[in-house]
C-alpha atoms as a PDB file:
ATOM      1  CA  ALA A   1      71.316  85.927  94.469  1.00  0.00           C
ATOM      2  CA  MET A   2      70.560  89.407  95.915  1.00  0.00           C
ATOM      3  CA  THR A   3      71.451  92.102  93.297  1.00  0.00           C
ATOM      4  CA  SER A   4      70.350  95.240  95.285  1.00  0.00           C
ATOM      5  CA  LEU A   5      69.929  96.122  98.922  1.00  0.00           C
ATOM      6  CA  THR A   6      68.667  99.086 101.058  1.00  0.00           C
ATOM      7  CA  ILE A   7      69.860  99.395 104.588  1.00  0.00           C
ATOM      8  CA  PRO A   8      67.176 101.315 106.552  1.00  0.00           C
ATOM      9  CA  GLY A   9      68.005 104.284 108.667  1.00  0.00           C
ATOM     10  CA  TYR A  10      67.022 102.668 111.862  1.00  0.00           C
ATOM     11  CA  VAL A  11      69.798 100.028 111.601  1.00  0.00           C
ATOM     12  CA  ASN A  12      72.714 101.040 113.783  1.00  0.00           C
ATOM     13  CA  THR A  13      75.064  98.032 113.645  1.00  0.00           C
ATOM     14  CA  ILE A  14      76.199  95.621 110.977  1.00  0.00           C
ATOM     15  CA  GLY A  15      78.653  92.898 112.018  1.00  0.00           C
ATOM     16  CA  ASN A  16      81.444  91.077 110.243  1.00  0.00           C
ATOM     17  CA  ASN A  17      81.070  88.922 107.146  1.00  0.00           C
ATOM     18  CA  VAL A  18      77.363  89.964 106.750  1.00  0.00           C
ATOM     19  CA  PHE A  19      77.842  90.174 102.963  1.00  0.00           C
ATOM     20  CA  GLN A  20      80.259  87.263 102.447  1.00  0.00           C
ATOM     21  CA  GLY A  21      79.408  85.368  99.256  1.00  0.00           C
ATOM     22  CA  CYS A  22      77.006  88.136  98.018  1.00  0.00           C
ATOM     23  CA  THR A  23      78.570  87.905  94.522  1.00  0.00           C
ATOM     24  CA  GLN A  24      75.741  89.616  92.647  1.00  0.00           C
ATOM     25  CA  LEU A  25      75.212  92.596  94.869  1.00  0.00           C
ATOM     26  CA  ALA A  26      75.448  95.570  92.536  1.00  0.00           C
ATOM     27  CA  THR A  27      73.345  98.347  93.984  1.00  0.00           C
ATOM     28  CA  LEU A  28      73.611  99.463  97.615  1.00  0.00           C
ATOM     29  CA  THR A  29      71.575 102.183  99.323  1.00  0.00           C
ATOM     30  CA  PHE A  30      72.000 103.339 102.964  1.00  0.00           C
ATOM     31  CA  GLU A  31      68.943 105.404 104.008  1.00  0.00           C
ATOM     32  CA  PRO A  32      69.534 108.507 106.238  1.00  0.00           C
ATOM     33  CA  SER A  33      69.098 108.107 110.074  1.00  0.00           C
ATOM     34  CA  SER A  34      66.270 110.106 111.492  1.00  0.00           C
ATOM     35  CA  ASP A  35      68.466 111.363 114.321  1.00  0.00           C
ATOM     36  CA  GLU A  36      71.769 111.320 112.358  1.00  0.00           C
ATOM     37  CA  THR A  37      73.140 108.370 114.325  1.00  0.00           C
ATOM     38  CA  PRO A  38      76.167 106.872 112.525  1.00  0.00           C
ATOM     39  CA  LEU A  39      75.936 103.240 111.335  1.00  0.00           C
ATOM     40  CA  THR A  40      78.718 101.060 112.816  1.00  0.00           C
ATOM     41  CA  MET A  41      79.895  98.437 110.309  1.00  0.00           C
ATOM     42  CA  GLY A  42      82.254  95.521 110.526  1.00  0.00           C
ATOM     43  CA  PHE A  43      84.543  93.978 107.854  1.00  0.00           C
ATOM     44  CA  TYR A  44      85.178  90.755 105.943  1.00  0.00           C
ATOM     45  CA  ASP A  45      86.952  88.581 108.553  1.00  0.00           C
ATOM     46  CA  VAL A  46      88.594  85.750 106.650  1.00  0.00           C
ATOM     47  CA  ALA A  47      92.248  84.736 105.990  1.00  0.00           C
ATOM     48  CA  ASP A  48      93.204  88.152 104.459  1.00  0.00           C
ATOM     49  CA  ASP A  49      90.864  90.685 106.050  1.00  0.00           C
ATOM     50  CA  ASP A  50      89.122  93.026 103.661  1.00  0.00           C
ATOM     51  CA  GLY A  51      86.204  95.527 103.368  1.00  0.00           C
ATOM     52  CA  PRO A  52      82.723  94.226 104.041  1.00  0.00           C
ATOM     53  CA  PHE A  53      81.824  94.099 100.328  1.00  0.00           C
ATOM     54  CA  TYR A  54      84.850  92.254  99.116  1.00  0.00           C
ATOM     55  CA  ASP A  55      82.667  89.591  97.346  1.00  0.00           C
ATOM     56  CA  SER A  56      80.253  92.103  95.846  1.00  0.00           C
ATOM     57  CA  PRO A  57      80.601  93.764  92.291  1.00  0.00           C
ATOM     58  CA  LEU A  58      79.186  97.042  93.438  1.00  0.00           C
ATOM     59  CA  THR A  59      78.355  99.428  90.598  1.00  0.00           C
ATOM     60  CA  THR A  60      76.004 101.973  92.378  1.00  0.00           C
ATOM     61  CA  LEU A  61      76.239 103.336  95.941  1.00  0.00           C
ATOM     62  CA  ASN A  62      73.689 105.767  97.509  1.00  0.00           C
ATOM     63  CA  LEU A  63      75.257 106.634 100.861  1.00  0.00           C
ATOM     64  CA  ASN A  64      73.004 108.845 102.974  1.00  0.00           C
ATOM     65  CA  ARG A  65      74.408 108.472 106.493  1.00  0.00           C
ATOM     66  CA  GLU A  66      77.725 108.515 108.288  1.00  0.00           C
ATOM     67  CA  ILE A  67      79.423 105.006 108.698  1.00  0.00           C
ATOM     68  CA  ILE A  68      81.872 104.186 111.460  1.00  0.00           C
ATOM     69  CA  TYR A  69      83.965 101.457 109.925  1.00  0.00           C
ATOM     70  CA  THR A  70      85.579  99.224 112.539  1.00  0.00           C
ATOM     71  CA  PHE A  71      88.262  97.247 110.792  1.00  0.00           C
ATOM     72  CA  GLY A  72      89.054  94.960 113.706  1.00  0.00           C
ATOM     73  CA  GLY A  73      91.455  97.375 115.369  1.00  0.00           C
ATOM     74  CA  TYR A  74      93.947  96.922 112.505  1.00  0.00           C
ATOM     75  CA  ASP A  75      95.540  99.551 110.349  1.00  0.00           C
ATOM     76  CA  ILE A  76      93.882  99.762 106.883  1.00  0.00           C
ATOM     77  CA  SER A  77      96.853  99.313 104.654  1.00  0.00           C
ATOM     78  CA  SER A  78      95.577  98.091 101.330  1.00  0.00           C
ATOM     79  CA  ASP A  79      92.843  99.154  98.871  1.00  0.00           C
ATOM     80  CA  ASN A  80      90.692  96.126  99.477  1.00  0.00           C
ATOM     81  CA  GLU A  81      90.597  96.818 103.213  1.00  0.00           C
ATOM     82  CA  GLY A  82      88.810 100.122 102.665  1.00  0.00           C
ATOM     83  CA  LEU A  83      85.061 100.360 103.324  1.00  0.00           C
ATOM     84  CA  PHE A  84      84.331 100.517  99.527  1.00  0.00           C
ATOM     85  CA  GLY A  85      87.997 100.021  98.478  1.00  0.00           C
ATOM     86  CA  GLY A  86      89.008  98.050  95.455  1.00  0.00           C
ATOM     87  CA  LYS A  87      85.637  98.344  93.769  1.00  0.00           C
ATOM     88  CA  LYS A  88      86.646  98.927  90.134  1.00  0.00           C
ATOM     89  CA  ASN A  89      83.059  98.659  88.883  1.00  0.00           C
ATOM     90  CA  LEU A  90      81.821 101.269  91.301  1.00  0.00           C
ATOM     91  CA  LYS A  91      80.873 103.970  88.837  1.00  0.00           C
ATOM     92  CA  ASN A  92      78.055 105.796  90.503  1.00  0.00           C
ATOM     93  CA  VAL A  93      78.373 107.247  94.107  1.00  0.00           C
ATOM     94  CA  THR A  94      76.001 109.652  95.764  1.00  0.00           C
ATOM     95  CA  LEU A  95      76.807 111.082  99.184  1.00  0.00           C
ATOM     96  CA  GLY A  96      73.936 112.477 101.331  1.00  0.00           C
ATOM     97  CA  ASP A  97      74.019 115.365 103.803  1.00  0.00           C
ATOM     98  CA  GLN A  98      74.880 113.165 106.758  1.00  0.00           C
ATOM     99  CA  VAL A  99      78.101 111.937 105.275  1.00  0.00           C
ATOM    100  CA  LYS A 100      80.887 114.203 106.904  1.00  0.00           C
ATOM    101  CA  ILE A 101      83.837 111.807 106.929  1.00  0.00           C
ATOM    102  CA  LEU A 102      85.578 109.803 104.215  1.00  0.00           C
ATOM    103  CA  SER A 103      87.372 107.045 106.190  1.00  0.00           C
ATOM    104  CA  LYS A 104      90.947 105.754 105.362  1.00  0.00           C
ATOM    105  CA  ARG A 105      90.992 104.211 101.852  1.00  0.00           C
ATOM    106  CA  MET A 106      87.158 104.490 101.724  1.00  0.00           C
ATOM    107  CA  PHE A 107      87.191 104.602  97.935  1.00  0.00           C
ATOM    108  CA  ALA A 108      90.615 103.497  97.073  1.00  0.00           C
ATOM    109  CA  GLY A 109      90.718 102.083  93.571  1.00  0.00           C
ATOM    110  CA  ALA A 110      87.059 102.712  92.866  1.00  0.00           C
ATOM    111  CA  GLY A 111      86.060 103.139  89.268  1.00  0.00           C
ATOM    112  CA  PHE A 112      84.090 106.448  89.315  1.00  0.00           C
ATOM    113  CA  THR A 113      85.312 109.420  87.354  1.00  0.00           C
ATOM    114  CA  SER A 114      83.432 112.021  89.408  1.00  0.00           C
ATOM    115  CA  ILE A 115      82.047 112.330  92.894  1.00  0.00           C
ATOM    116  CA  ASN A 116      80.072 115.099  94.659  1.00  0.00           C
ATOM    117  CA  LEU A 117      81.473 115.478  98.162  1.00  0.00           C
ATOM    118  CA  ASN A 118      78.484 117.425  99.251  1.00  0.00           C
ATOM    119  CA  LYS A 119      78.845 118.128 103.006  1.00  0.00           C
ATOM    120  CA  VAL A 120      82.079 116.216 103.685  1.00  0.00           C
ATOM    121  CA  GLU A 121      84.269 117.836 106.344  1.00  0.00           C
ATOM    122  CA  THR A 122      87.156 115.234 106.707  1.00  0.00           C
ATOM    123  CA  ILE A 123      88.923 113.287 103.961  1.00  0.00           C
ATOM    124  CA  ASN A 124      91.295 110.782 105.598  1.00  0.00           C
ATOM    125  CA  ASP A 125      94.392 109.244 104.240  1.00  0.00           C
ATOM    126  CA  TYR A 126      94.176 107.427 100.808  1.00  0.00           C
ATOM    127  CA  ALA A 127      90.428 107.932 100.670  1.00  0.00           C
ATOM    128  CA  LEU A 128      90.378 108.670  96.914  1.00  0.00           C
ATOM    129  CA  THR A 129      93.600 107.095  95.903  1.00  0.00           C
ATOM    130  CA  LYS A 130      93.744 105.402  92.442  1.00  0.00           C
ATOM    131  CA  THR A 131      90.260 106.663  91.501  1.00  0.00           C
ATOM    132  CA  ALA A 132      89.704 107.780  87.863  1.00  0.00           C
ATOM    133  CA  ILE A 133      88.356 111.194  88.834  1.00  0.00           C
ATOM    134  CA  THR A 134      88.955 113.931  86.199  1.00  0.00           C
ATOM    135  CA  ALA A 135      87.560 116.858  88.084  1.00  0.00           C
ATOM    136  CA  LEU A 136      86.867 117.481  91.756  1.00  0.00           C
ATOM    137  CA  THR A 137      85.375 120.188  93.865  1.00  0.00           C
ATOM    138  CA  ILE A 138      86.320 120.369  97.583  1.00  0.00           C
ATOM    139  CA  PRO A 139      83.398 121.798  99.451  1.00  0.00           C
ATOM    140  CA  GLY A 140      83.664 124.716 101.847  1.00  0.00           C
ATOM    141  CA  TYR A 141      82.632 122.476 104.646  1.00  0.00           C
ATOM    142  CA  ALA A 142      85.856 120.457 104.393  1.00  0.00           C
ATOM    143  CA  THR A 143      88.378 121.327 107.113  1.00  0.00           C
ATOM    144  CA  THR A 144      90.926 118.421 106.782  1.00  0.00           C
ATOM    145  CA  ILE A 145      92.408 116.428 103.954  1.00  0.00           C
ATOM    146  CA  GLY A 146      94.939 113.690 105.020  1.00  0.00           C
ATOM    147  CA  ASN A 147      97.939 112.307 103.253  1.00  0.00           C
ATOM    148  CA  ASN A 148      98.042 110.431  99.957  1.00  0.00           C
ATOM    149  CA  VAL A 149      94.394 111.162  99.304  1.00  0.00           C
ATOM    150  CA  PHE A 150      95.079 111.755  95.665  1.00  0.00           C
ATOM    151  CA  GLU A 151      97.846 109.248  95.094  1.00  0.00           C
ATOM    152  CA  LYS A 152      97.768 107.762  91.525  1.00  0.00           C
ATOM    153  CA  CYS A 153      94.764 110.008  90.588  1.00  0.00           C
ATOM    154  CA  THR A 154      96.396 110.257  87.172  1.00  0.00           C
ATOM    155  CA  SER A 155      93.237 111.628  85.337  1.00  0.00           C
ATOM    156  CA  LEU A 156      92.633 114.522  87.782  1.00  0.00           C
ATOM    157  CA  THR A 157      93.064 117.732  85.655  1.00  0.00           C
ATOM    158  CA  SER A 158      90.572 120.178  87.264  1.00  0.00           C
ATOM    159  CA  LEU A 159      90.399 121.104  90.982  1.00  0.00           C
ATOM    160  CA  THR A 160      88.170 123.591  92.715  1.00  0.00           C
ATOM    161  CA  PHE A 161      88.257 124.625  96.330  1.00  0.00           C
ATOM    162  CA  GLU A 162      84.974 126.260  97.374  1.00  0.00           C
ATOM    163  CA  PRO A 163      85.101 129.143  99.977  1.00  0.00           C
ATOM    164  CA  SER A 164      84.559 128.220 103.582  1.00  0.00           C
ATOM    165  CA  PRO A 165      81.266 129.506 104.956  1.00  0.00           C
ATOM    166  CA  SER A 166      83.161 130.454 108.118  1.00  0.00           C
ATOM    167  CA  ASP A 167      86.442 131.426 106.576  1.00  0.00           C
ATOM    168  CA  THR A 168      88.169 128.371 108.220  1.00  0.00           C
ATOM    169  CA  PRO A 169      91.376 127.473 106.457  1.00  0.00           C
ATOM    170  CA  LEU A 170      91.589 123.829 104.893  1.00  0.00           C
ATOM    171  CA  THR A 171      94.434 121.787 106.330  1.00  0.00           C
ATOM    172  CA  ILE A 172      95.829 119.530 103.615  1.00  0.00           C
ATOM    173  CA  GLY A 173      98.604 116.815 103.903  1.00  0.00           C
ATOM    174  CA  TYR A 174     101.087 115.633 101.388  1.00  0.00           C
ATOM    175  CA  TYR A 175     102.151 112.615  99.269  1.00  0.00           C
ATOM    176  CA  VAL A 176     104.125 110.324 101.612  1.00  0.00           C
ATOM    177  CA  GLY A 177     106.253 108.325  99.024  1.00  0.00           C
ATOM    178  CA  SER A 178     108.488 105.359  99.568  1.00  0.00           C
ATOM    179  CA  SER A 179     111.556 107.530  99.167  1.00  0.00           C
ATOM    180  CA  ASP A 180     110.921 111.160  98.151  1.00  0.00           C
ATOM    181  CA  ASP A 181     107.874 112.869  99.707  1.00  0.00           C
ATOM    182  CA  ASP A 182     106.068 115.295  97.447  1.00  0.00           C
ATOM    183  CA  GLY A 183     103.010 117.579  97.251  1.00  0.00           C
ATOM    184  CA  PRO A 184      99.560 116.130  97.488  1.00  0.00           C
ATOM    185  CA  PHE A 185      98.903 116.239  93.805  1.00  0.00           C
ATOM    186  CA  TYR A 186     102.158 114.722  92.633  1.00  0.00           C
ATOM    187  CA  ASP A 187     100.415 112.219  90.378  1.00  0.00           C
ATOM    188  CA  SER A 188      97.760 114.455  89.077  1.00  0.00           C
ATOM    189  CA  PRO A 189      98.168 116.396  85.554  1.00  0.00           C
ATOM    190  CA  LEU A 190      96.350 119.386  86.871  1.00  0.00           C
ATOM    191  CA  THR A 191      95.526 122.032  84.229  1.00  0.00           C
ATOM    192  CA  THR A 192      93.079 124.149  86.208  1.00  0.00           C
ATOM    193  CA  VAL A 193      92.925 125.142  89.909  1.00  0.00           C
ATOM    194  CA  ASP A 194      90.211 127.372  91.291  1.00  0.00           C
ATOM    195  CA  LEU A 195      91.332 128.267  94.764  1.00  0.00           C
ATOM    196  CA  ASN A 196      88.775 130.136  96.863  1.00  0.00           C
ATOM    197  CA  ARG A 197      89.968 129.622 100.399  1.00  0.00           C
ATOM    198  CA  GLU A 198      93.066 129.562 102.548  1.00  0.00           C
ATOM    199  CA  LEU A 199      95.092 126.321 102.596  1.00  0.00           C
ATOM    200  CA  VAL A 200      97.309 125.163 105.539  1.00  0.00           C
ATOM    201  CA  TYR A 201      99.784 122.798 103.934  1.00  0.00           C
ATOM    202  CA  THR A 202     101.256 120.262 106.524  1.00  0.00           C
ATOM    203  CA  PHE A 203     104.416 118.846 105.003  1.00  0.00           C
ATOM    204  CA  ASP A 204     105.370 117.150 108.259  1.00  0.00           C
ATOM    205  CA  ASN A 205     108.474 115.270 107.180  1.00  0.00           C
ATOM    206  CA  PRO A 206     111.106 116.165 109.837  1.00  0.00           C
ATOM    207  CA  ASN A 207     113.893 115.732 107.337  1.00  0.00           C
ATOM    208  CA  GLU A 208     112.616 118.178 104.700  1.00  0.00           C
END
């Protein structure tokens, strides 16, 4: 009946199904690696493959190191398949300095209303889709934002892009819809945008 867990920084590999049946695991902490080695983590390998914490009602995550998420070589195509995807009770997330990448659907459908991206450089497709974020700051360290990152972020009203410390433009994708493709914030009722850096907008639909 484990309710909280700390993964020490010297652990470098976690296999599949490690947290299967951990139905009371609510608080999870990943300590930083002393040499910034990423942690390789597997998934929930059952009938329908899902993220490693599929059974766990996570509410609090303290992520202080980079995670390489190995989803069995398959495409991550649903929220529950994301590393922390589908965690509607996940209200509190802290990202440490070693976290530079948000993997595909990493927080898809999570319940938090805010997140400090800290030193994040790359935000992959659908990483924040369906979250309840109301305001977001994109750090100047970020260089790439993929497609559909903000899909169904229907509470996002305030957006700030911090300046790049090296004047590097930020490459941002779009909203790949089922029929008509749109801008990346199609679902977001933005009222305030504070834009402090150059954006390279890649709307790579060859038909439009």
